[in-house]
Amino acid sequence: MRPTVFGAVDGLVTNASLIAGVGGGGVSAHTVVLTGVAALVAGAFSMGTGEYVSVTNQNELVHAEVALERTMLARFPVAEQDELAGYFRGYGADPETAARMADAVSRDPGTALRVHTREELGVDPDELPSAVRAGVASLLAFSLGALVPLLPYLFGYPVLAATLAITAVTLIAGGAAVGRLTGRSMLRSGLRQFALGALAIAVTFTIGSLIGHAA
């Protein structure tokens, strides 16, 4: 969900801001479409590649930490078992029960490794995210988000106000949807996303207008 939501919002705000910037500069509709499509393609592949590399590096780091933990379990089994008992005491078990639980877990190296990894790294080494899936999700989400501001121009209505209107509606709807998924106020989430996107678009439009009128 994270790369999908992030990619869609990033694509929407990035391309809407870009279109507002060049549109405010007074360029032709053809230039706006060319710029928007180029930004869509470049941004989508940049987001997809970045997400793939990020998740890959994260997974590699986890694997390295797991390998280190596996070595520690093999070299210092007593110390690692005491560490497990400490985790169980932290969850409320009395010392005797914690010691028995640690002993039972330590009899299976695989289970001991998973418990240590979850407690120390906060992840399950058997349930790491897919770098390919995250990269593809980010690429597609960015593309869909970046396509929205271009729709009026692609359908023969090259009016910047139309792009701003459809972008505003999409920002609010997207924020509200995220709010519903996360259990937060849909209205607040929608307005927050709209405000942040509107700020980026307004700044870019202002800069584009100033440069366009000065040229």
N, C-alpha and C. Protein backbone atom coordinates (compact mmCIF):
# COMPACT_ATOMS: atom_id res chain seq x y z
N MET A 1 0.82 -1.20 0.00
CA MET A 1 0.00 0.00 0.00
C MET A 1 0.86 1.26 0.00
N ARG A 2 1.97 1.25 0.77
CA ARG A 2 2.78 2.45 0.89
C ARG A 2 3.32 2.95 -0.44
N PRO A 3 4.00 2.09 -1.25
CA PRO A 3 4.50 2.60 -2.52
C PRO A 3 3.39 3.00 -3.49
N THR A 4 2.23 2.34 -3.39
CA THR A 4 1.12 2.67 -4.28
C THR A 4 0.56 4.05 -3.97
N VAL A 5 0.27 4.30 -2.70
CA VAL A 5 -0.27 5.60 -2.30
C VAL A 5 0.75 6.70 -2.54
N PHE A 6 1.98 6.46 -2.13
CA PHE A 6 3.03 7.47 -2.29
C PHE A 6 3.25 7.78 -3.77
N GLY A 7 3.29 6.73 -4.59
CA GLY A 7 3.52 6.94 -6.02
C GLY A 7 2.39 7.70 -6.68
N ALA A 8 1.14 7.38 -6.34
CA ALA A 8 0.00 8.06 -6.95
C ALA A 8 -0.04 9.54 -6.57
N VAL A 9 0.14 9.82 -5.29
CA VAL A 9 0.12 11.22 -4.85
C VAL A 9 1.29 11.99 -5.44
N ASP A 10 2.45 11.37 -5.47
CA ASP A 10 3.63 12.03 -6.02
C ASP A 10 3.42 12.34 -7.50
N GLY A 11 2.88 11.38 -8.25
CA GLY A 11 2.64 11.61 -9.67
C GLY A 11 1.63 12.71 -9.90
N LEU A 12 0.57 12.71 -9.11
CA LEU A 12 -0.48 13.72 -9.25
C LEU A 12 0.06 15.12 -8.96
N VAL A 13 0.71 15.28 -7.82
CA VAL A 13 1.19 16.61 -7.42
C VAL A 13 2.33 17.07 -8.32
N THR A 14 3.24 16.15 -8.66
CA THR A 14 4.37 16.53 -9.51
C THR A 14 3.91 17.03 -10.87
N ASN A 15 3.06 16.26 -11.52
CA ASN A 15 2.66 16.66 -12.88
C ASN A 15 1.70 17.84 -12.87
N ALA A 16 0.82 17.91 -11.88
CA ALA A 16 -0.07 19.07 -11.79
C ALA A 16 0.73 20.35 -11.56
N SER A 17 1.75 20.25 -10.71
CA SER A 17 2.60 21.41 -10.47
C SER A 17 3.37 21.80 -11.72
N LEU A 18 3.89 20.79 -12.40
CA LEU A 18 4.65 21.06 -13.62
C LEU A 18 3.78 21.70 -14.70
N ILE A 19 2.59 21.16 -14.87
CA ILE A 19 1.67 21.72 -15.87
C ILE A 19 1.27 23.13 -15.47
N ALA A 20 1.04 23.37 -14.19
CA ALA A 20 0.70 24.71 -13.72
C ALA A 20 1.87 25.67 -13.96
N GLY A 21 3.09 25.17 -13.76
CA GLY A 21 4.25 26.02 -13.96
C GLY A 21 4.45 26.44 -15.40
N VAL A 22 4.41 25.47 -16.31
CA VAL A 22 4.60 25.81 -17.72
C VAL A 22 3.36 26.51 -18.28
N GLY A 23 2.18 26.11 -17.78
CA GLY A 23 0.95 26.79 -18.22
C GLY A 23 0.93 28.24 -17.78
N GLY A 24 1.41 28.49 -16.55
CA GLY A 24 1.47 29.85 -16.06
C GLY A 24 2.49 30.69 -16.83
N GLY A 25 3.44 30.01 -17.44
CA GLY A 25 4.45 30.71 -18.24
C GLY A 25 3.96 31.08 -19.62
N GLY A 26 2.76 30.63 -19.99
CA GLY A 26 2.17 31.02 -21.25
C GLY A 26 2.57 30.19 -22.45
N VAL A 27 2.99 28.94 -22.23
CA VAL A 27 3.39 28.11 -23.36
C VAL A 27 2.15 27.54 -24.05
N SER A 28 2.35 26.94 -25.20
CA SER A 28 1.23 26.38 -25.97
C SER A 28 0.73 25.09 -25.34
N ALA A 29 -0.48 24.68 -25.72
CA ALA A 29 -1.06 23.43 -25.22
C ALA A 29 -0.20 22.24 -25.63
N HIS A 30 0.35 22.28 -26.82
CA HIS A 30 1.21 21.18 -27.29
C HIS A 30 2.42 21.03 -26.38
N THR A 31 3.01 22.16 -25.99
CA THR A 31 4.17 22.12 -25.10
C THR A 31 3.79 21.57 -23.73
N VAL A 32 2.60 21.93 -23.26
CA VAL A 32 2.13 21.42 -21.98
C VAL A 32 1.99 19.90 -22.03
N VAL A 33 1.39 19.39 -23.10
CA VAL A 33 1.21 17.94 -23.24
C VAL A 33 2.57 17.24 -23.34
N LEU A 34 3.46 17.78 -24.15
CA LEU A 34 4.78 17.18 -24.30
C LEU A 34 5.51 17.15 -22.96
N THR A 35 5.45 18.25 -22.25
CA THR A 35 6.12 18.32 -20.95
C THR A 35 5.49 17.35 -19.96
N GLY A 36 4.16 17.30 -19.94
CA GLY A 36 3.47 16.42 -19.01
C GLY A 36 3.73 14.95 -19.28
N VAL A 37 3.73 14.57 -20.55
CA VAL A 37 3.98 13.16 -20.89
C VAL A 37 5.42 12.78 -20.57
N ALA A 38 6.35 13.68 -20.88
CA ALA A 38 7.75 13.40 -20.57
C ALA A 38 7.95 13.25 -19.06
N ALA A 39 7.30 14.12 -18.29
CA ALA A 39 7.40 14.04 -16.83
C ALA A 39 6.77 12.76 -16.31
N LEU A 40 5.66 12.33 -16.92
CA LEU A 40 5.00 11.09 -16.52
C LEU A 40 5.93 9.89 -16.70
N VAL A 41 6.52 9.79 -17.89
CA VAL A 41 7.38 8.64 -18.18
C VAL A 41 8.64 8.66 -17.32
N ALA A 42 9.30 9.83 -17.29
CA ALA A 42 10.54 9.92 -16.52
C ALA A 42 10.29 9.71 -15.03
N GLY A 43 9.25 10.34 -14.52
CA GLY A 43 8.94 10.21 -13.10
C GLY A 43 8.54 8.80 -12.71
N ALA A 44 7.77 8.14 -13.57
CA ALA A 44 7.32 6.78 -13.28
C ALA A 44 8.50 5.82 -13.16
N PHE A 45 9.42 5.91 -14.12
CA PHE A 45 10.58 5.01 -14.07
C PHE A 45 11.52 5.39 -12.94
N SER A 46 11.61 6.68 -12.63
CA SER A 46 12.43 7.10 -11.50
C SER A 46 11.86 6.56 -10.19
N MET A 47 10.54 6.68 -10.02
CA MET A 47 9.90 6.18 -8.81
C MET A 47 10.01 4.66 -8.70
N GLY A 48 9.76 3.98 -9.82
CA GLY A 48 9.85 2.52 -9.80
C GLY A 48 11.25 2.03 -9.47
N THR A 49 12.24 2.65 -10.11
CA THR A 49 13.62 2.27 -9.85
C THR A 49 14.02 2.58 -8.42
N GLY A 50 13.64 3.77 -7.95
CA GLY A 50 13.98 4.15 -6.58
C GLY A 50 13.37 3.23 -5.55
N GLU A 51 12.11 2.86 -5.76
CA GLU A 51 11.44 1.96 -4.82
C GLU A 51 12.07 0.57 -4.85
N TYR A 52 12.41 0.09 -6.05
CA TYR A 52 13.04 -1.22 -6.17
C TYR A 52 14.38 -1.25 -5.44
N VAL A 53 15.20 -0.22 -5.68
CA VAL A 53 16.51 -0.16 -5.04
C VAL A 53 16.37 -0.02 -3.52
N SER A 54 15.42 0.80 -3.09
CA SER A 54 15.21 1.01 -1.66
C SER A 54 14.83 -0.29 -0.95
N VAL A 55 13.85 -1.01 -1.50
CA VAL A 55 13.40 -2.26 -0.87
C VAL A 55 14.49 -3.32 -0.96
N THR A 56 15.22 -3.36 -2.09
CA THR A 56 16.31 -4.33 -2.22
C THR A 56 17.38 -4.10 -1.17
N ASN A 57 17.78 -2.84 -1.00
CA ASN A 57 18.79 -2.52 0.01
C ASN A 57 18.30 -2.84 1.41
N GLN A 58 17.03 -2.55 1.66
CA GLN A 58 16.46 -2.85 2.97
C GLN A 58 16.48 -4.36 3.24
N ASN A 59 16.09 -5.14 2.24
CA ASN A 59 16.08 -6.59 2.41
C ASN A 59 17.50 -7.14 2.59
N GLU A 60 18.44 -6.59 1.83
CA GLU A 60 19.83 -7.04 1.96
C GLU A 60 20.38 -6.74 3.35
N LEU A 61 20.00 -5.59 3.89
CA LEU A 61 20.44 -5.24 5.24
C LEU A 61 19.85 -6.20 6.26
N VAL A 62 18.57 -6.53 6.09
CA VAL A 62 17.94 -7.48 7.01
C VAL A 62 18.61 -8.84 6.91
N HIS A 63 18.92 -9.30 5.70
CA HIS A 63 19.58 -10.60 5.53
C HIS A 63 20.96 -10.60 6.20
N ALA A 64 21.66 -9.47 6.09
CA ALA A 64 22.98 -9.38 6.73
C ALA A 64 22.84 -9.45 8.25
N GLU A 65 21.84 -8.76 8.79
CA GLU A 65 21.62 -8.79 10.23
C GLU A 65 21.19 -10.18 10.70
N VAL A 66 20.38 -10.84 9.88
CA VAL A 66 19.95 -12.20 10.22
C VAL A 66 21.14 -13.15 10.23
N ALA A 67 22.03 -12.99 9.25
CA ALA A 67 23.23 -13.83 9.19
C ALA A 67 24.09 -13.61 10.43
N LEU A 68 24.21 -12.36 10.87
CA LEU A 68 24.98 -12.06 12.07
C LEU A 68 24.33 -12.69 13.30
N GLU A 69 23.01 -12.60 13.37
CA GLU A 69 22.30 -13.19 14.50
C GLU A 69 22.45 -14.71 14.50
N ARG A 70 22.44 -15.31 13.32
CA ARG A 70 22.63 -16.76 13.22
C ARG A 70 24.02 -17.16 13.76
N THR A 71 25.02 -16.35 13.43
CA THR A 71 26.37 -16.61 13.92
C THR A 71 26.43 -16.49 15.44
N MET A 72 25.78 -15.46 15.98
CA MET A 72 25.78 -15.26 17.43
C MET A 72 25.09 -16.42 18.14
N LEU A 73 24.01 -16.92 17.56
CA LEU A 73 23.31 -18.06 18.17
C LEU A 73 24.20 -19.30 18.19
N ALA A 74 25.00 -19.48 17.15
CA ALA A 74 25.88 -20.65 17.08
C ALA A 74 27.07 -20.53 18.03
N ARG A 75 27.58 -19.30 18.18
CA ARG A 75 28.80 -19.12 18.98
C ARG A 75 28.50 -18.89 20.46
N PHE A 76 27.39 -18.25 20.76
CA PHE A 76 27.08 -17.93 22.16
C PHE A 76 25.65 -18.35 22.50
N PRO A 77 25.38 -19.65 22.47
CA PRO A 77 24.00 -20.12 22.68
C PRO A 77 23.45 -19.78 24.07
N VAL A 78 24.29 -19.84 25.10
CA VAL A 78 23.81 -19.58 26.46
C VAL A 78 23.42 -18.11 26.61
N ALA A 79 24.28 -17.22 26.11
CA ALA A 79 24.00 -15.79 26.21
C ALA A 79 22.75 -15.42 25.41
N GLU A 80 22.61 -16.03 24.25
CA GLU A 80 21.44 -15.73 23.42
C GLU A 80 20.16 -16.27 24.06
N GLN A 81 20.27 -17.43 24.75
CA GLN A 81 19.10 -17.96 25.44
C GLN A 81 18.71 -17.05 26.60
N ASP A 82 19.70 -16.53 27.31
CA ASP A 82 19.41 -15.59 28.39
C ASP A 82 18.74 -14.33 27.84
N GLU A 83 19.17 -13.93 26.65
CA GLU A 83 18.57 -12.76 26.02
C GLU A 83 17.11 -13.03 25.70
N LEU A 84 16.82 -14.23 25.22
CA LEU A 84 15.44 -14.61 24.95
C LEU A 84 14.60 -14.57 26.23
N ALA A 85 15.16 -15.09 27.30
CA ALA A 85 14.43 -15.08 28.57
C ALA A 85 14.12 -13.63 28.99
N GLY A 86 15.06 -12.73 28.71
CA GLY A 86 14.82 -11.32 29.03
C GLY A 86 13.66 -10.76 28.24
N TYR A 87 13.54 -11.15 26.97
CA TYR A 87 12.41 -10.69 26.16
C TYR A 87 11.09 -11.16 26.78
N PHE A 88 11.05 -12.43 27.19
CA PHE A 88 9.81 -12.99 27.73
C PHE A 88 9.47 -12.35 29.08
N ARG A 89 10.50 -12.05 29.90
CA ARG A 89 10.23 -11.35 31.15
C ARG A 89 9.66 -9.95 30.87
N GLY A 90 10.15 -9.34 29.80
CA GLY A 90 9.63 -8.03 29.43
C GLY A 90 8.17 -8.07 29.04
N TYR A 91 7.71 -9.23 28.57
CA TYR A 91 6.30 -9.38 28.22
C TYR A 91 5.44 -9.77 29.41
N GLY A 92 6.05 -9.90 30.59
CA GLY A 92 5.27 -10.17 31.79
C GLY A 92 5.42 -11.54 32.39
N ALA A 93 6.25 -12.41 31.77
CA ALA A 93 6.43 -13.75 32.31
C ALA A 93 7.34 -13.68 33.54
N ASP A 94 7.07 -14.55 34.54
CA ASP A 94 7.95 -14.59 35.71
C ASP A 94 9.28 -15.24 35.29
N PRO A 95 10.35 -15.04 36.05
CA PRO A 95 11.68 -15.53 35.64
C PRO A 95 11.73 -17.02 35.33
N GLU A 96 11.03 -17.83 36.14
CA GLU A 96 11.08 -19.27 35.91
C GLU A 96 10.39 -19.63 34.60
N THR A 97 9.20 -19.04 34.37
CA THR A 97 8.46 -19.32 33.13
C THR A 97 9.24 -18.81 31.92
N ALA A 98 9.83 -17.62 32.06
CA ALA A 98 10.61 -17.05 30.96
C ALA A 98 11.79 -17.95 30.61
N ALA A 99 12.43 -18.51 31.62
CA ALA A 99 13.58 -19.39 31.38
C ALA A 99 13.14 -20.66 30.66
N ARG A 100 12.00 -21.22 31.06
CA ARG A 100 11.49 -22.43 30.39
C ARG A 100 11.12 -22.13 28.94
N MET A 101 10.49 -20.99 28.71
CA MET A 101 10.11 -20.61 27.35
C MET A 101 11.34 -20.41 26.48
N ALA A 102 12.35 -19.75 27.03
CA ALA A 102 13.57 -19.52 26.28
C ALA A 102 14.27 -20.83 25.94
N ASP A 103 14.25 -21.75 26.89
CA ASP A 103 14.86 -23.07 26.65
C ASP A 103 14.12 -23.82 25.55
N ALA A 104 12.77 -23.76 25.58
CA ALA A 104 11.98 -24.45 24.57
C ALA A 104 12.21 -23.85 23.18
N VAL A 105 12.25 -22.53 23.11
CA VAL A 105 12.47 -21.87 21.82
C VAL A 105 13.86 -22.17 21.29
N SER A 106 14.85 -22.17 22.17
CA SER A 106 16.25 -22.35 21.75
C SER A 106 16.53 -23.74 21.23
N ARG A 107 15.66 -24.71 21.52
CA ARG A 107 15.88 -26.06 21.02
C ARG A 107 15.71 -26.15 19.50
N ASP A 108 14.98 -25.20 18.94
CA ASP A 108 14.82 -25.15 17.48
C ASP A 108 15.56 -23.90 16.98
N PRO A 109 16.72 -24.07 16.34
CA PRO A 109 17.51 -22.90 15.90
C PRO A 109 16.73 -21.96 15.00
N GLY A 110 15.88 -22.53 14.14
CA GLY A 110 15.11 -21.68 13.24
C GLY A 110 14.13 -20.80 13.98
N THR A 111 13.43 -21.38 14.95
CA THR A 111 12.49 -20.60 15.75
C THR A 111 13.22 -19.55 16.58
N ALA A 112 14.34 -19.92 17.17
CA ALA A 112 15.12 -18.97 17.96
C ALA A 112 15.58 -17.81 17.10
N LEU A 113 16.01 -18.11 15.87
CA LEU A 113 16.46 -17.05 14.98
C LEU A 113 15.33 -16.10 14.63
N ARG A 114 14.14 -16.64 14.36
CA ARG A 114 13.00 -15.79 14.02
C ARG A 114 12.61 -14.90 15.19
N VAL A 115 12.61 -15.45 16.40
CA VAL A 115 12.24 -14.66 17.57
C VAL A 115 13.24 -13.54 17.81
N HIS A 116 14.53 -13.87 17.74
CA HIS A 116 15.57 -12.85 17.92
C HIS A 116 15.44 -11.76 16.86
N THR A 117 15.19 -12.16 15.63
CA THR A 117 15.10 -11.19 14.53
C THR A 117 13.90 -10.28 14.72
N ARG A 118 12.78 -10.84 15.12
CA ARG A 118 11.59 -10.02 15.34
C ARG A 118 11.79 -9.04 16.48
N GLU A 119 12.42 -9.51 17.56
CA GLU A 119 12.60 -8.65 18.72
C GLU A 119 13.64 -7.56 18.47
N GLU A 120 14.72 -7.89 17.78
CA GLU A 120 15.83 -6.95 17.62
C GLU A 120 15.69 -6.08 16.37
N LEU A 121 15.12 -6.62 15.30
CA LEU A 121 15.00 -5.87 14.05
C LEU A 121 13.58 -5.43 13.76
N GLY A 122 12.60 -6.05 14.43
CA GLY A 122 11.21 -5.69 14.19
C GLY A 122 10.67 -6.20 12.87
N VAL A 123 11.30 -7.22 12.28
CA VAL A 123 10.84 -7.79 11.01
C VAL A 123 10.85 -9.30 11.08
N ASP A 124 10.11 -9.91 10.17
CA ASP A 124 10.12 -11.36 10.02
C ASP A 124 10.92 -11.68 8.76
N PRO A 125 12.07 -12.35 8.89
CA PRO A 125 12.91 -12.62 7.71
C PRO A 125 12.21 -13.46 6.65
N ASP A 126 11.13 -14.15 7.03
CA ASP A 126 10.40 -14.97 6.06
C ASP A 126 9.28 -14.19 5.38
N GLU A 127 9.07 -12.94 5.77
CA GLU A 127 7.96 -12.15 5.21
C GLU A 127 8.45 -10.77 4.76
N LEU A 128 9.58 -10.73 4.10
CA LEU A 128 10.12 -9.46 3.61
C LEU A 128 9.36 -9.03 2.35
N PRO A 129 9.21 -7.72 2.13
CA PRO A 129 8.49 -7.25 0.94
C PRO A 129 9.24 -7.56 -0.34
N SER A 130 8.50 -7.71 -1.43
CA SER A 130 9.09 -7.97 -2.73
C SER A 130 9.54 -6.66 -3.37
N ALA A 131 10.82 -6.58 -3.72
CA ALA A 131 11.34 -5.37 -4.35
C ALA A 131 10.72 -5.16 -5.73
N VAL A 132 10.52 -6.24 -6.47
CA VAL A 132 9.92 -6.12 -7.81
C VAL A 132 8.48 -5.64 -7.70
N ARG A 133 7.72 -6.22 -6.79
CA ARG A 133 6.33 -5.82 -6.63
C ARG A 133 6.22 -4.36 -6.20
N ALA A 134 7.08 -3.96 -5.27
CA ALA A 134 7.06 -2.57 -4.81
C ALA A 134 7.43 -1.61 -5.93
N GLY A 135 8.44 -1.99 -6.74
CA GLY A 135 8.86 -1.13 -7.84
C GLY A 135 7.78 -0.98 -8.89
N VAL A 136 7.16 -2.09 -9.26
CA VAL A 136 6.10 -2.05 -10.28
C VAL A 136 4.89 -1.27 -9.76
N ALA A 137 4.53 -1.49 -8.49
CA ALA A 137 3.39 -0.76 -7.92
C ALA A 137 3.65 0.74 -7.92
N SER A 138 4.86 1.12 -7.58
CA SER A 138 5.21 2.54 -7.55
C SER A 138 5.19 3.14 -8.95
N LEU A 139 5.72 2.41 -9.92
CA LEU A 139 5.74 2.89 -11.31
C LEU A 139 4.33 3.10 -11.85
N LEU A 140 3.47 2.09 -11.65
CA LEU A 140 2.11 2.19 -12.17
C LEU A 140 1.31 3.27 -11.44
N ALA A 141 1.48 3.35 -10.13
CA ALA A 141 0.74 4.35 -9.36
C ALA A 141 1.14 5.76 -9.75
N PHE A 142 2.44 5.98 -9.93
CA PHE A 142 2.90 7.31 -10.35
C PHE A 142 2.32 7.65 -11.73
N SER A 143 2.31 6.68 -12.62
CA SER A 143 1.79 6.91 -13.98
C SER A 143 0.33 7.32 -13.93
N LEU A 144 -0.47 6.60 -13.14
CA LEU A 144 -1.90 6.92 -13.04
C LEU A 144 -2.10 8.30 -12.42
N GLY A 145 -1.33 8.58 -11.36
CA GLY A 145 -1.46 9.89 -10.73
C GLY A 145 -1.06 11.02 -11.65
N ALA A 146 0.03 10.82 -12.40
CA ALA A 146 0.52 11.87 -13.30
C ALA A 146 -0.38 12.04 -14.52
N LEU A 147 -1.15 11.02 -14.84
CA LEU A 147 -2.04 11.11 -16.00
C LEU A 147 -3.24 12.03 -15.74
N VAL A 148 -3.68 12.08 -14.49
CA VAL A 148 -4.90 12.85 -14.15
C VAL A 148 -4.81 14.31 -14.59
N PRO A 149 -3.74 15.06 -14.28
CA PRO A 149 -3.71 16.47 -14.69
C PRO A 149 -3.64 16.68 -16.20
N LEU A 150 -3.24 15.64 -16.91
CA LEU A 150 -3.14 15.74 -18.38
C LEU A 150 -4.46 15.50 -19.08
N LEU A 151 -5.43 14.92 -18.40
CA LEU A 151 -6.67 14.50 -19.05
C LEU A 151 -7.37 15.62 -19.82
N PRO A 152 -7.55 16.81 -19.26
CA PRO A 152 -8.22 17.85 -20.04
C PRO A 152 -7.51 18.17 -21.36
N TYR A 153 -6.20 18.20 -21.34
CA TYR A 153 -5.43 18.49 -22.55
C TYR A 153 -5.52 17.34 -23.55
N LEU A 154 -5.50 16.12 -23.07
CA LEU A 154 -5.57 14.96 -23.96
C LEU A 154 -6.94 14.81 -24.59
N PHE A 155 -7.98 15.30 -23.90
CA PHE A 155 -9.34 15.19 -24.43
C PHE A 155 -9.81 16.47 -25.12
N GLY A 156 -8.85 17.30 -25.52
CA GLY A 156 -9.18 18.47 -26.33
C GLY A 156 -9.73 19.65 -25.58
N TYR A 157 -9.46 19.76 -24.30
CA TYR A 157 -9.92 20.91 -23.52
C TYR A 157 -8.70 21.51 -22.79
N PRO A 158 -7.82 22.16 -23.54
CA PRO A 158 -6.54 22.65 -22.98
C PRO A 158 -6.70 23.91 -22.14
N VAL A 159 -7.35 23.75 -21.00
CA VAL A 159 -7.58 24.87 -20.10
C VAL A 159 -6.95 24.53 -18.75
N LEU A 160 -6.06 25.39 -18.29
CA LEU A 160 -5.36 25.11 -17.04
C LEU A 160 -6.33 24.99 -15.87
N ALA A 161 -7.38 25.78 -15.87
CA ALA A 161 -8.36 25.74 -14.78
C ALA A 161 -8.99 24.35 -14.66
N ALA A 162 -9.20 23.69 -15.79
CA ALA A 162 -9.79 22.34 -15.76
C ALA A 162 -8.82 21.35 -15.11
N THR A 163 -7.54 21.51 -15.43
CA THR A 163 -6.53 20.64 -14.82
C THR A 163 -6.48 20.86 -13.32
N LEU A 164 -6.53 22.12 -12.90
CA LEU A 164 -6.48 22.42 -11.46
C LEU A 164 -7.72 21.88 -10.75
N ALA A 165 -8.87 21.96 -11.41
CA ALA A 165 -10.11 21.48 -10.79
C ALA A 165 -10.08 19.96 -10.61
N ILE A 166 -9.69 19.24 -11.66
CA ILE A 166 -9.69 17.77 -11.57
C ILE A 166 -8.61 17.30 -10.60
N THR A 167 -7.52 18.05 -10.52
CA THR A 167 -6.47 17.71 -9.56
C THR A 167 -6.96 17.91 -8.13
N ALA A 168 -7.66 19.00 -7.89
CA ALA A 168 -8.18 19.27 -6.55
C ALA A 168 -9.14 18.18 -6.10
N VAL A 169 -10.04 17.79 -6.99
CA VAL A 169 -11.01 16.74 -6.64
C VAL A 169 -10.29 15.42 -6.35
N THR A 170 -9.29 15.10 -7.16
CA THR A 170 -8.55 13.85 -6.98
C THR A 170 -7.75 13.86 -5.69
N LEU A 171 -7.15 15.00 -5.36
CA LEU A 171 -6.39 15.10 -4.11
C LEU A 171 -7.30 14.87 -2.90
N ILE A 172 -8.45 15.50 -2.92
CA ILE A 172 -9.38 15.35 -1.79
C ILE A 172 -9.90 13.92 -1.71
N ALA A 173 -10.28 13.36 -2.86
CA ALA A 173 -10.81 11.99 -2.87
C ALA A 173 -9.74 10.99 -2.43
N GLY A 174 -8.51 11.17 -2.94
CA GLY A 174 -7.43 10.27 -2.56
C GLY A 174 -7.10 10.36 -1.09
N GLY A 175 -7.05 11.57 -0.56
CA GLY A 175 -6.79 11.74 0.86
C GLY A 175 -7.89 11.15 1.71
N ALA A 176 -9.13 11.31 1.29
CA ALA A 176 -10.26 10.74 2.03
C ALA A 176 -10.21 9.22 2.02
N ALA A 177 -9.81 8.63 0.89
CA ALA A 177 -9.72 7.18 0.80
C ALA A 177 -8.64 6.65 1.74
N VAL A 178 -7.52 7.33 1.78
CA VAL A 178 -6.44 6.93 2.70
C VAL A 178 -6.91 7.07 4.14
N GLY A 179 -7.64 8.16 4.42
CA GLY A 179 -8.17 8.35 5.77
C GLY A 179 -9.10 7.23 6.19
N ARG A 180 -9.91 6.76 5.25
CA ARG A 180 -10.83 5.66 5.57
C ARG A 180 -10.05 4.37 5.85
N LEU A 181 -9.01 4.12 5.07
CA LEU A 181 -8.21 2.91 5.25
C LEU A 181 -7.47 2.92 6.58
N THR A 182 -7.02 4.11 6.98
CA THR A 182 -6.24 4.21 8.21
C THR A 182 -7.09 4.49 9.44
N GLY A 183 -8.40 4.68 9.25
CA GLY A 183 -9.28 4.93 10.37
C GLY A 183 -9.28 6.36 10.85
N ARG A 184 -8.71 7.27 10.08
CA ARG A 184 -8.69 8.68 10.46
C ARG A 184 -9.86 9.41 9.81
N SER A 185 -10.04 10.66 10.17
CA SER A 185 -11.12 11.45 9.60
C SER A 185 -10.92 11.59 8.09
N MET A 186 -11.92 11.16 7.32
CA MET A 186 -11.82 11.25 5.87
C MET A 186 -11.74 12.71 5.41
N LEU A 187 -12.54 13.56 6.03
CA LEU A 187 -12.53 14.98 5.65
C LEU A 187 -11.19 15.61 5.95
N ARG A 188 -10.67 15.35 7.13
CA ARG A 188 -9.39 15.94 7.51
C ARG A 188 -8.26 15.43 6.62
N SER A 189 -8.25 14.14 6.33
CA SER A 189 -7.21 13.58 5.47
C SER A 189 -7.30 14.15 4.06
N GLY A 190 -8.53 14.28 3.56
CA GLY A 190 -8.71 14.83 2.22
C GLY A 190 -8.28 16.28 2.13
N LEU A 191 -8.67 17.09 3.11
CA LEU A 191 -8.30 18.51 3.10
C LEU A 191 -6.80 18.70 3.31
N ARG A 192 -6.20 17.85 4.13
CA ARG A 192 -4.75 17.95 4.35
C ARG A 192 -3.99 17.68 3.06
N GLN A 193 -4.39 16.62 2.36
CA GLN A 193 -3.72 16.30 1.11
C GLN A 193 -3.95 17.39 0.06
N PHE A 194 -5.15 17.95 0.05
CA PHE A 194 -5.45 19.03 -0.88
C PHE A 194 -4.60 20.26 -0.58
N ALA A 195 -4.47 20.61 0.70
CA ALA A 195 -3.71 21.80 1.09
C ALA A 195 -2.24 21.66 0.70
N LEU A 196 -1.66 20.50 0.94
CA LEU A 196 -0.25 20.30 0.61
C LEU A 196 -0.04 20.33 -0.90
N GLY A 197 -0.93 19.68 -1.64
CA GLY A 197 -0.82 19.70 -3.09
C GLY A 197 -1.03 21.08 -3.66
N ALA A 198 -2.01 21.79 -3.11
CA ALA A 198 -2.30 23.14 -3.60
C ALA A 198 -1.12 24.07 -3.37
N LEU A 199 -0.44 23.90 -2.26
CA LEU A 199 0.73 24.74 -1.98
C LEU A 199 1.82 24.52 -3.03
N ALA A 200 2.10 23.26 -3.34
CA ALA A 200 3.12 22.97 -4.35
C ALA A 200 2.73 23.53 -5.71
N ILE A 201 1.47 23.37 -6.08
CA ILE A 201 1.00 23.87 -7.38
C ILE A 201 1.05 25.39 -7.43
N ALA A 202 0.64 26.05 -6.35
CA ALA A 202 0.63 27.52 -6.33
C ALA A 202 2.03 28.09 -6.45
N VAL A 203 2.97 27.50 -5.74
CA VAL A 203 4.36 27.99 -5.81
C VAL A 203 4.92 27.82 -7.21
N THR A 204 4.69 26.64 -7.81
CA THR A 204 5.20 26.39 -9.16
C THR A 204 4.55 27.30 -10.19
N PHE A 205 3.25 27.50 -10.06
CA PHE A 205 2.53 28.39 -10.98
C PHE A 205 3.07 29.81 -10.87
N THR A 206 3.31 30.27 -9.65
CA THR A 206 3.82 31.63 -9.46
C THR A 206 5.20 31.79 -10.09
N ILE A 207 6.07 30.82 -9.87
CA ILE A 207 7.40 30.90 -10.46
C ILE A 207 7.34 30.86 -11.98
N GLY A 208 6.48 29.96 -12.51
CA GLY A 208 6.32 29.87 -13.96
C GLY A 208 5.79 31.16 -14.56
N SER A 209 4.84 31.78 -13.88
CA SER A 209 4.27 33.04 -14.37
C SER A 209 5.32 34.15 -14.37
N LEU A 210 6.08 34.25 -13.32
CA LEU A 210 7.10 35.28 -13.24
C LEU A 210 8.17 35.14 -14.32
N ILE A 211 8.61 33.89 -14.53
CA ILE A 211 9.63 33.66 -15.55
C ILE A 211 9.06 33.86 -16.94
N GLY A 212 7.80 33.40 -17.17
CA GLY A 212 7.19 33.52 -18.47
C GLY A 212 6.96 34.99 -18.85
N HIS A 213 6.55 35.80 -17.91
CA HIS A 213 6.29 37.20 -18.22
C HIS A 213 7.57 38.01 -18.33
N ALA A 214 8.63 37.51 -17.71
CA ALA A 214 9.90 38.23 -17.79
C ALA A 214 10.66 37.91 -19.07
N ALA A 215 10.30 36.75 -19.69
CA ALA A 215 11.04 36.34 -20.90
C ALA A 215 10.67 37.21 -22.10
